[in-house]
Amino acid sequence: MNIREISKPVTAKSLNESLAKRFGKRIALENFTLEQLADARNKVRTTLSQIETNESFNSVKNDTYQKSKLFLDVLNAEITERGDVDEAAKPDFLDMDKDGDKKEPMKKAIKDKKKKKKFIKLICQIEGIEYKETKEIKKRQIRIADVALVAKEVLGVDIKIDM
């Protein structure tokens, strides 16, 4: 190994090349979706975990274990390069932002919840109400009239609402 190779970023492509050199097999990463890669990663993790917990220490030296470990490294690198599947793909099953959409990504729901909180703080400030995180404030729905009020007070834009 060269000293220059240490500073090289480890990519899925370079790991895949290493897999091909060592075991004669390469993963055709471009043929798989992000979801398929995540499923494969979970299966390989399970296999490795079972070997690590149930087998003797010598079993981690065998080629099957080493090949699986390198497969996992390739899959992790590819998933990271394509985007965080663990973070982004988790559905908002708890409905964090209380919008009724439990299929949106949890990260987006948390961001929306924070934005809503900031917006409600702004509304309270404009209305002269002290903001306290009470049940009523947390459950408050943002109405069209609230948006119009903020637009008028903050931006100086008068919005007409037809109902």
N, C-alpha and C. Protein backbone atom coordinates (compact mmCIF):
# COMPACT_ATOMS: atom_id res chain seq x y z
N MET A 1 0.85 -1.19 0.00
CA MET A 1 0.00 0.00 0.00
C MET A 1 0.88 1.24 0.00
N ASN A 2 0.56 2.14 -0.84
CA ASN A 2 1.28 3.39 -0.96
C ASN A 2 0.74 4.40 0.04
N ILE A 3 1.56 5.35 0.45
CA ILE A 3 1.12 6.40 1.37
C ILE A 3 0.03 7.26 0.73
N ARG A 4 0.07 7.40 -0.62
CA ARG A 4 -0.95 8.19 -1.33
C ARG A 4 -2.31 7.53 -1.26
N GLU A 5 -2.34 6.22 -1.17
CA GLU A 5 -3.60 5.48 -1.14
C GLU A 5 -4.37 5.69 0.15
N ILE A 6 -3.66 6.07 1.21
CA ILE A 6 -4.33 6.29 2.50
C ILE A 6 -5.27 7.48 2.42
N SER A 7 -4.85 8.53 1.73
CA SER A 7 -5.68 9.73 1.65
C SER A 7 -6.76 9.65 0.58
N LYS A 8 -6.73 8.60 -0.24
CA LYS A 8 -7.76 8.43 -1.27
C LYS A 8 -9.10 8.14 -0.60
N PRO A 9 -10.17 8.74 -1.10
CA PRO A 9 -11.47 8.40 -0.52
C PRO A 9 -11.87 6.98 -0.92
N VAL A 10 -12.47 6.28 0.02
CA VAL A 10 -12.92 4.92 -0.25
C VAL A 10 -14.30 5.03 -0.90
N THR A 11 -14.39 4.56 -2.13
CA THR A 11 -15.65 4.62 -2.86
C THR A 11 -16.17 3.21 -3.10
N ALA A 12 -17.42 3.13 -3.48
CA ALA A 12 -18.01 1.84 -3.79
C ALA A 12 -17.27 1.19 -4.95
N LYS A 13 -16.86 2.01 -5.91
CA LYS A 13 -16.15 1.50 -7.08
C LYS A 13 -14.81 0.88 -6.67
N SER A 14 -14.05 1.58 -5.81
CA SER A 14 -12.75 1.06 -5.39
C SER A 14 -12.91 -0.21 -4.54
N LEU A 15 -13.93 -0.24 -3.70
CA LEU A 15 -14.17 -1.43 -2.88
C LEU A 15 -14.60 -2.60 -3.76
N ASN A 16 -15.41 -2.30 -4.78
CA ASN A 16 -15.86 -3.34 -5.71
C ASN A 16 -14.68 -3.92 -6.47
N GLU A 17 -13.73 -3.06 -6.84
CA GLU A 17 -12.51 -3.52 -7.51
C GLU A 17 -11.71 -4.43 -6.57
N SER A 18 -11.63 -4.05 -5.32
CA SER A 18 -10.92 -4.86 -4.33
C SER A 18 -11.59 -6.23 -4.17
N LEU A 19 -12.91 -6.23 -4.18
CA LEU A 19 -13.68 -7.47 -4.10
C LEU A 19 -13.37 -8.36 -5.30
N ALA A 20 -13.32 -7.76 -6.48
CA ALA A 20 -13.05 -8.51 -7.70
C ALA A 20 -11.63 -9.10 -7.69
N LYS A 21 -10.65 -8.31 -7.22
CA LYS A 21 -9.27 -8.79 -7.16
C LYS A 21 -9.12 -9.96 -6.18
N ARG A 22 -9.77 -9.81 -5.04
CA ARG A 22 -9.57 -10.80 -3.98
C ARG A 22 -10.39 -12.07 -4.17
N PHE A 23 -11.65 -11.91 -4.62
CA PHE A 23 -12.54 -13.07 -4.68
C PHE A 23 -13.03 -13.40 -6.09
N GLY A 24 -12.65 -12.59 -7.07
CA GLY A 24 -13.06 -12.88 -8.43
C GLY A 24 -14.51 -12.57 -8.73
N LYS A 25 -15.16 -11.84 -7.85
CA LYS A 25 -16.57 -11.47 -8.06
C LYS A 25 -16.73 -9.97 -7.88
N ARG A 26 -17.61 -9.41 -8.67
CA ARG A 26 -17.89 -7.98 -8.63
C ARG A 26 -19.41 -7.82 -8.52
N ILE A 27 -19.87 -6.82 -7.79
CA ILE A 27 -21.31 -6.55 -7.68
C ILE A 27 -21.68 -5.53 -8.76
N ALA A 28 -22.69 -5.84 -9.55
CA ALA A 28 -23.17 -4.91 -10.58
C ALA A 28 -24.11 -3.91 -9.90
N LEU A 29 -23.53 -2.94 -9.22
CA LEU A 29 -24.29 -2.00 -8.40
C LEU A 29 -25.31 -1.20 -9.20
N GLU A 30 -24.99 -0.90 -10.44
CA GLU A 30 -25.89 -0.07 -11.26
C GLU A 30 -27.20 -0.79 -11.58
N ASN A 31 -27.25 -2.10 -11.41
CA ASN A 31 -28.46 -2.86 -11.71
C ASN A 31 -29.47 -2.87 -10.57
N PHE A 32 -29.11 -2.29 -9.44
CA PHE A 32 -29.97 -2.34 -8.26
C PHE A 32 -30.46 -0.96 -7.85
N THR A 33 -31.68 -0.95 -7.32
CA THR A 33 -32.23 0.29 -6.78
C THR A 33 -31.68 0.47 -5.38
N LEU A 34 -31.87 1.65 -4.84
CA LEU A 34 -31.42 1.95 -3.48
C LEU A 34 -32.09 1.02 -2.48
N GLU A 35 -33.37 0.76 -2.69
CA GLU A 35 -34.12 -0.12 -1.79
C GLU A 35 -33.58 -1.55 -1.85
N GLN A 36 -33.27 -2.03 -3.04
CA GLN A 36 -32.72 -3.37 -3.18
C GLN A 36 -31.35 -3.47 -2.51
N LEU A 37 -30.55 -2.42 -2.65
CA LEU A 37 -29.25 -2.41 -1.99
C LEU A 37 -29.39 -2.45 -0.47
N ALA A 38 -30.37 -1.70 0.04
CA ALA A 38 -30.60 -1.69 1.49
C ALA A 38 -31.07 -3.05 1.97
N ASP A 39 -31.93 -3.71 1.21
CA ASP A 39 -32.39 -5.06 1.58
C ASP A 39 -31.22 -6.04 1.60
N ALA A 40 -30.38 -5.97 0.57
CA ALA A 40 -29.22 -6.85 0.50
C ALA A 40 -28.28 -6.59 1.67
N ARG A 41 -28.09 -5.30 1.99
CA ARG A 41 -27.23 -4.93 3.11
C ARG A 41 -27.75 -5.53 4.41
N ASN A 42 -29.06 -5.46 4.62
CA ASN A 42 -29.64 -6.00 5.85
C ASN A 42 -29.45 -7.51 5.93
N LYS A 43 -29.57 -8.20 4.80
CA LYS A 43 -29.38 -9.66 4.79
C LYS A 43 -27.93 -10.01 5.11
N VAL A 44 -27.00 -9.27 4.52
CA VAL A 44 -25.57 -9.54 4.77
C VAL A 44 -25.24 -9.23 6.23
N ARG A 45 -25.79 -8.15 6.76
CA ARG A 45 -25.57 -7.81 8.18
C ARG A 45 -26.04 -8.93 9.08
N THR A 46 -27.22 -9.46 8.78
CA THR A 46 -27.78 -10.56 9.58
C THR A 46 -26.87 -11.77 9.54
N THR A 47 -26.41 -12.12 8.35
CA THR A 47 -25.51 -13.26 8.18
C THR A 47 -24.23 -13.06 8.99
N LEU A 48 -23.63 -11.89 8.86
CA LEU A 48 -22.40 -11.61 9.60
C LEU A 48 -22.62 -11.64 11.11
N SER A 49 -23.73 -11.09 11.54
CA SER A 49 -24.04 -11.08 12.96
C SER A 49 -24.18 -12.50 13.51
N GLN A 50 -24.83 -13.35 12.74
CA GLN A 50 -24.99 -14.74 13.17
C GLN A 50 -23.65 -15.45 13.26
N ILE A 51 -22.78 -15.20 12.30
CA ILE A 51 -21.45 -15.81 12.34
C ILE A 51 -20.67 -15.31 13.55
N GLU A 52 -20.72 -14.00 13.78
CA GLU A 52 -19.96 -13.40 14.88
C GLU A 52 -20.43 -13.86 16.25
N THR A 53 -21.73 -14.10 16.39
CA THR A 53 -22.25 -14.49 17.71
C THR A 53 -22.26 -16.00 17.94
N ASN A 54 -22.41 -16.78 16.88
CA ASN A 54 -22.58 -18.23 17.05
C ASN A 54 -21.33 -19.05 16.77
N GLU A 55 -20.40 -18.52 16.01
CA GLU A 55 -19.22 -19.28 15.61
C GLU A 55 -18.03 -18.93 16.49
N SER A 56 -16.98 -19.71 16.32
CA SER A 56 -15.76 -19.43 17.07
C SER A 56 -15.00 -18.28 16.42
N PHE A 57 -13.99 -17.80 17.10
CA PHE A 57 -13.19 -16.68 16.59
C PHE A 57 -12.54 -17.02 15.26
N ASN A 58 -12.16 -18.26 15.07
CA ASN A 58 -11.49 -18.67 13.84
C ASN A 58 -12.39 -18.54 12.61
N SER A 59 -13.69 -18.55 12.82
CA SER A 59 -14.60 -18.48 11.67
C SER A 59 -14.55 -17.12 10.98
N VAL A 60 -14.11 -16.08 11.67
CA VAL A 60 -14.01 -14.76 11.04
C VAL A 60 -12.81 -14.69 10.10
N LYS A 61 -11.93 -15.69 10.17
CA LYS A 61 -10.77 -15.73 9.28
C LYS A 61 -11.08 -16.41 7.95
N ASN A 62 -12.20 -17.14 7.87
CA ASN A 62 -12.46 -17.88 6.63
C ASN A 62 -12.92 -16.96 5.51
N ASP A 63 -12.79 -17.46 4.28
CA ASP A 63 -13.07 -16.65 3.09
C ASP A 63 -14.54 -16.23 2.99
N THR A 64 -15.44 -17.08 3.40
CA THR A 64 -16.86 -16.75 3.31
C THR A 64 -17.18 -15.53 4.16
N TYR A 65 -16.66 -15.51 5.37
CA TYR A 65 -16.89 -14.36 6.25
C TYR A 65 -16.24 -13.11 5.67
N GLN A 66 -15.00 -13.22 5.23
CA GLN A 66 -14.27 -12.07 4.68
C GLN A 66 -14.95 -11.53 3.44
N LYS A 67 -15.46 -12.43 2.59
CA LYS A 67 -16.17 -12.02 1.38
C LYS A 67 -17.45 -11.28 1.75
N SER A 68 -18.18 -11.80 2.72
CA SER A 68 -19.43 -11.14 3.17
C SER A 68 -19.14 -9.77 3.75
N LYS A 69 -18.05 -9.68 4.49
CA LYS A 69 -17.66 -8.40 5.10
C LYS A 69 -17.35 -7.37 4.01
N LEU A 70 -16.63 -7.79 2.98
CA LEU A 70 -16.30 -6.89 1.88
C LEU A 70 -17.55 -6.54 1.07
N PHE A 71 -18.46 -7.50 0.88
CA PHE A 71 -19.74 -7.22 0.24
C PHE A 71 -20.47 -6.12 1.00
N LEU A 72 -20.49 -6.24 2.32
CA LEU A 72 -21.17 -5.25 3.16
C LEU A 72 -20.53 -3.88 3.00
N ASP A 73 -19.21 -3.82 2.95
CA ASP A 73 -18.52 -2.54 2.76
C ASP A 73 -18.89 -1.91 1.42
N VAL A 74 -18.95 -2.72 0.37
CA VAL A 74 -19.32 -2.22 -0.96
C VAL A 74 -20.74 -1.68 -0.93
N LEU A 75 -21.66 -2.44 -0.35
CA LEU A 75 -23.07 -2.02 -0.28
C LEU A 75 -23.22 -0.74 0.53
N ASN A 76 -22.54 -0.66 1.67
CA ASN A 76 -22.62 0.55 2.50
C ASN A 76 -22.09 1.77 1.75
N ALA A 77 -20.99 1.60 1.06
CA ALA A 77 -20.41 2.72 0.32
C ALA A 77 -21.34 3.18 -0.79
N GLU A 78 -21.93 2.24 -1.52
CA GLU A 78 -22.85 2.60 -2.61
C GLU A 78 -24.10 3.30 -2.08
N ILE A 79 -24.63 2.80 -0.99
CA ILE A 79 -25.82 3.42 -0.39
C ILE A 79 -25.50 4.83 0.08
N THR A 80 -24.35 5.01 0.69
CA THR A 80 -23.94 6.34 1.14
C THR A 80 -23.77 7.29 -0.03
N GLU A 81 -23.17 6.79 -1.10
CA GLU A 81 -22.97 7.63 -2.28
C GLU A 81 -24.29 8.03 -2.94
N ARG A 82 -25.24 7.13 -2.93
CA ARG A 82 -26.54 7.43 -3.57
C ARG A 82 -27.43 8.28 -2.67
N GLY A 83 -27.21 8.25 -1.41
CA GLY A 83 -28.05 9.00 -0.47
C GLY A 83 -28.38 8.13 0.71
N ASP A 84 -28.55 8.74 1.84
CA ASP A 84 -28.80 8.00 3.07
C ASP A 84 -30.17 7.36 3.04
N VAL A 85 -30.19 6.07 2.84
CA VAL A 85 -31.46 5.36 2.81
C VAL A 85 -32.03 5.21 4.22
N ASP A 86 -31.13 5.07 5.21
CA ASP A 86 -31.62 4.90 6.58
C ASP A 86 -32.36 6.13 7.07
N GLU A 87 -31.82 7.29 6.78
CA GLU A 87 -32.41 8.52 7.26
C GLU A 87 -33.61 8.96 6.44
N ALA A 88 -33.42 9.01 5.13
CA ALA A 88 -34.43 9.58 4.26
C ALA A 88 -35.62 8.68 4.03
N ALA A 89 -35.44 7.41 4.03
CA ALA A 89 -36.52 6.52 3.65
C ALA A 89 -37.43 6.11 4.79
N LYS A 90 -37.04 6.39 6.02
CA LYS A 90 -37.90 6.01 7.14
C LYS A 90 -39.20 6.80 7.06
N PRO A 91 -40.31 6.10 6.99
CA PRO A 91 -41.58 6.82 6.90
C PRO A 91 -41.95 7.46 8.24
N ASP A 92 -42.74 8.50 8.15
CA ASP A 92 -43.18 9.24 9.33
C ASP A 92 -44.37 8.53 9.97
N PHE A 93 -44.15 7.27 10.43
CA PHE A 93 -45.25 6.49 10.96
C PHE A 93 -45.81 7.06 12.26
N LEU A 94 -45.05 7.90 12.94
CA LEU A 94 -45.53 8.54 14.17
C LEU A 94 -46.27 9.85 13.88
N ASP A 95 -46.25 10.28 12.62
CA ASP A 95 -46.83 11.55 12.19
C ASP A 95 -46.31 12.69 13.07
N MET A 96 -45.00 12.86 13.02
CA MET A 96 -44.30 13.83 13.85
C MET A 96 -44.84 15.25 13.70
N ASP A 97 -45.20 15.62 12.47
CA ASP A 97 -45.66 16.99 12.25
C ASP A 97 -47.18 17.11 12.30
N LYS A 98 -47.86 16.03 12.60
CA LYS A 98 -49.32 16.00 12.78
C LYS A 98 -50.07 16.52 11.55
N ASP A 99 -49.54 16.17 10.35
CA ASP A 99 -50.21 16.61 9.13
C ASP A 99 -51.03 15.50 8.48
N GLY A 100 -51.01 14.31 9.08
CA GLY A 100 -51.79 13.20 8.56
C GLY A 100 -51.05 12.36 7.53
N ASP A 101 -49.91 12.83 7.05
CA ASP A 101 -49.14 12.11 6.03
C ASP A 101 -48.10 11.24 6.73
N LYS A 102 -48.40 9.96 6.85
CA LYS A 102 -47.49 9.05 7.53
C LYS A 102 -46.52 8.37 6.57
N LYS A 103 -46.60 8.71 5.28
CA LYS A 103 -45.72 8.09 4.28
C LYS A 103 -44.56 9.00 3.89
N GLU A 104 -44.62 10.28 4.25
CA GLU A 104 -43.52 11.18 3.94
C GLU A 104 -42.30 10.77 4.77
N PRO A 105 -41.09 11.09 4.33
CA PRO A 105 -39.90 10.75 5.12
C PRO A 105 -39.91 11.45 6.48
N MET A 106 -39.43 10.75 7.49
CA MET A 106 -39.44 11.28 8.85
C MET A 106 -38.60 12.55 8.95
N LYS A 107 -37.48 12.62 8.23
CA LYS A 107 -36.64 13.82 8.25
C LYS A 107 -37.45 15.04 7.81
N LYS A 108 -38.23 14.89 6.74
CA LYS A 108 -39.03 16.00 6.23
C LYS A 108 -40.09 16.39 7.25
N ALA A 109 -40.71 15.40 7.87
CA ALA A 109 -41.74 15.67 8.87
C ALA A 109 -41.18 16.46 10.05
N ILE A 110 -39.98 16.11 10.48
CA ILE A 110 -39.36 16.82 11.61
C ILE A 110 -39.03 18.25 11.20
N LYS A 111 -38.52 18.43 9.97
CA LYS A 111 -38.24 19.79 9.49
C LYS A 111 -39.53 20.60 9.41
N ASP A 112 -40.61 19.98 8.90
CA ASP A 112 -41.89 20.67 8.81
C ASP A 112 -42.41 21.07 10.18
N LYS A 113 -42.21 20.19 11.15
CA LYS A 113 -42.66 20.47 12.51
C LYS A 113 -41.90 21.69 13.07
N LYS A 114 -40.60 21.76 12.81
CA LYS A 114 -39.80 22.89 13.29
C LYS A 114 -40.23 24.18 12.60
N LYS A 115 -40.50 24.10 11.29
CA LYS A 115 -40.96 25.28 10.55
C LYS A 115 -42.30 25.76 11.09
N LYS A 116 -43.19 24.82 11.37
CA LYS A 116 -44.51 25.17 11.90
C LYS A 116 -44.36 25.86 13.25
N LYS A 117 -43.46 25.34 14.08
CA LYS A 117 -43.23 25.92 15.40
C LYS A 117 -42.74 27.35 15.27
N LYS A 118 -41.78 27.59 14.35
CA LYS A 118 -41.26 28.94 14.13
C LYS A 118 -42.37 29.87 13.64
N PHE A 119 -43.20 29.36 12.74
CA PHE A 119 -44.28 30.17 12.18
C PHE A 119 -45.30 30.53 13.27
N ILE A 120 -45.63 29.58 14.12
CA ILE A 120 -46.58 29.84 15.20
C ILE A 120 -45.98 30.83 16.20
N LYS A 121 -44.67 30.73 16.47
CA LYS A 121 -44.01 31.72 17.34
C LYS A 121 -44.14 33.12 16.74
N LEU A 122 -43.96 33.21 15.43
CA LEU A 122 -44.09 34.50 14.74
C LEU A 122 -45.51 35.03 14.83
N ILE A 123 -46.48 34.17 14.65
CA ILE A 123 -47.90 34.57 14.76
C ILE A 123 -48.18 35.09 16.17
N CYS A 124 -47.71 34.35 17.17
CA CYS A 124 -47.91 34.77 18.57
C CYS A 124 -47.27 36.14 18.82
N GLN A 125 -46.08 36.34 18.28
CA GLN A 125 -45.38 37.61 18.45
C GLN A 125 -46.18 38.74 17.81
N ILE A 126 -46.70 38.52 16.62
CA ILE A 126 -47.49 39.54 15.92
C ILE A 126 -48.78 39.84 16.67
N GLU A 127 -49.42 38.78 17.20
CA GLU A 127 -50.68 38.95 17.92
C GLU A 127 -50.47 39.45 19.35
N GLY A 128 -49.21 39.53 19.79
CA GLY A 128 -48.93 40.01 21.14
C GLY A 128 -49.18 38.97 22.21
N ILE A 129 -49.13 37.73 21.83
CA ILE A 129 -49.35 36.62 22.76
C ILE A 129 -47.99 36.02 23.10
N GLU A 130 -47.80 35.72 24.39
CA GLU A 130 -46.55 35.08 24.80
C GLU A 130 -46.58 33.62 24.36
N TYR A 131 -45.51 33.21 23.70
CA TYR A 131 -45.45 31.83 23.20
C TYR A 131 -45.01 30.90 24.32
N LYS A 132 -45.85 29.93 24.63
CA LYS A 132 -45.53 28.86 25.57
C LYS A 132 -45.96 27.56 24.93
N GLU A 133 -45.16 26.54 25.10
CA GLU A 133 -45.49 25.26 24.47
C GLU A 133 -46.57 24.54 25.28
N THR A 134 -47.78 24.98 25.08
CA THR A 134 -48.93 24.33 25.72
C THR A 134 -49.59 23.40 24.71
N LYS A 135 -50.53 22.61 25.18
CA LYS A 135 -51.25 21.70 24.28
C LYS A 135 -51.96 22.47 23.18
N GLU A 136 -52.53 23.61 23.55
CA GLU A 136 -53.28 24.40 22.57
C GLU A 136 -52.34 24.92 21.47
N ILE A 137 -51.17 25.37 21.86
CA ILE A 137 -50.21 25.90 20.89
C ILE A 137 -49.71 24.76 19.99
N LYS A 138 -49.40 23.60 20.58
CA LYS A 138 -48.90 22.47 19.80
C LYS A 138 -49.94 21.97 18.80
N LYS A 139 -51.21 22.03 19.17
CA LYS A 139 -52.27 21.54 18.30
C LYS A 139 -52.81 22.60 17.35
N ARG A 140 -52.34 23.82 17.49
CA ARG A 140 -52.84 24.91 16.66
C ARG A 140 -52.60 24.64 15.18
N GLN A 141 -53.62 24.83 14.41
CA GLN A 141 -53.53 24.67 12.97
C GLN A 141 -53.25 26.04 12.36
N ILE A 142 -52.43 26.07 11.35
CA ILE A 142 -52.14 27.33 10.67
C ILE A 142 -53.26 27.56 9.64
N ARG A 143 -53.90 28.70 9.78
CA ARG A 143 -55.02 29.04 8.90
C ARG A 143 -54.55 30.01 7.83
N ILE A 144 -55.38 30.19 6.82
CA ILE A 144 -55.08 31.15 5.75
C ILE A 144 -54.97 32.55 6.33
N ALA A 145 -55.84 32.84 7.28
CA ALA A 145 -55.82 34.16 7.91
C ALA A 145 -54.48 34.42 8.62
N ASP A 146 -53.87 33.37 9.18
CA ASP A 146 -52.57 33.51 9.84
C ASP A 146 -51.49 33.87 8.81
N VAL A 147 -51.54 33.21 7.67
CA VAL A 147 -50.57 33.49 6.61
C VAL A 147 -50.74 34.93 6.13
N ALA A 148 -51.99 35.35 5.95
CA ALA A 148 -52.27 36.71 5.51
C ALA A 148 -51.77 37.73 6.53
N LEU A 149 -51.97 37.44 7.83
CA LEU A 149 -51.53 38.33 8.89
C LEU A 149 -50.00 38.48 8.88
N VAL A 150 -49.29 37.36 8.77
CA VAL A 150 -47.83 37.40 8.74
C VAL A 150 -47.34 38.13 7.49
N ALA A 151 -47.96 37.88 6.36
CA ALA A 151 -47.56 38.56 5.12
C ALA A 151 -47.73 40.07 5.25
N LYS A 152 -48.83 40.47 5.89
CA LYS A 152 -49.10 41.91 6.04
C LYS A 152 -48.11 42.55 7.02
N GLU A 153 -47.90 41.92 8.17
CA GLU A 153 -47.07 42.49 9.21
C GLU A 153 -45.57 42.42 8.89
N VAL A 154 -45.13 41.31 8.31
CA VAL A 154 -43.71 41.12 8.08
C VAL A 154 -43.28 41.67 6.71
N LEU A 155 -44.07 41.36 5.70
CA LEU A 155 -43.69 41.75 4.35
C LEU A 155 -44.36 43.03 3.86
N GLY A 156 -45.39 43.44 4.58
CA GLY A 156 -46.13 44.62 4.15
C GLY A 156 -47.03 44.36 2.95
N VAL A 157 -47.36 43.11 2.74
CA VAL A 157 -48.20 42.72 1.60
C VAL A 157 -49.59 42.40 2.12
N ASP A 158 -50.58 43.04 1.53
CA ASP A 158 -51.97 42.80 1.94
C ASP A 158 -52.56 41.73 1.01
N ILE A 159 -52.91 40.61 1.59
CA ILE A 159 -53.46 39.49 0.81
C ILE A 159 -54.97 39.46 1.05
N LYS A 160 -55.72 39.43 -0.06
CA LYS A 160 -57.17 39.31 0.04
C LYS A 160 -57.56 37.85 -0.03
N ILE A 161 -58.42 37.48 0.90
CA ILE A 161 -58.84 36.08 0.99
C ILE A 161 -60.30 36.00 0.59
N ASP A 162 -60.61 35.22 -0.44
CA ASP A 162 -61.99 34.99 -0.87
C ASP A 162 -62.42 33.63 -0.38
N MET A 163 -63.51 33.61 0.32
CA MET A 163 -64.02 32.33 0.81
C MET A 163 -65.41 32.08 0.31
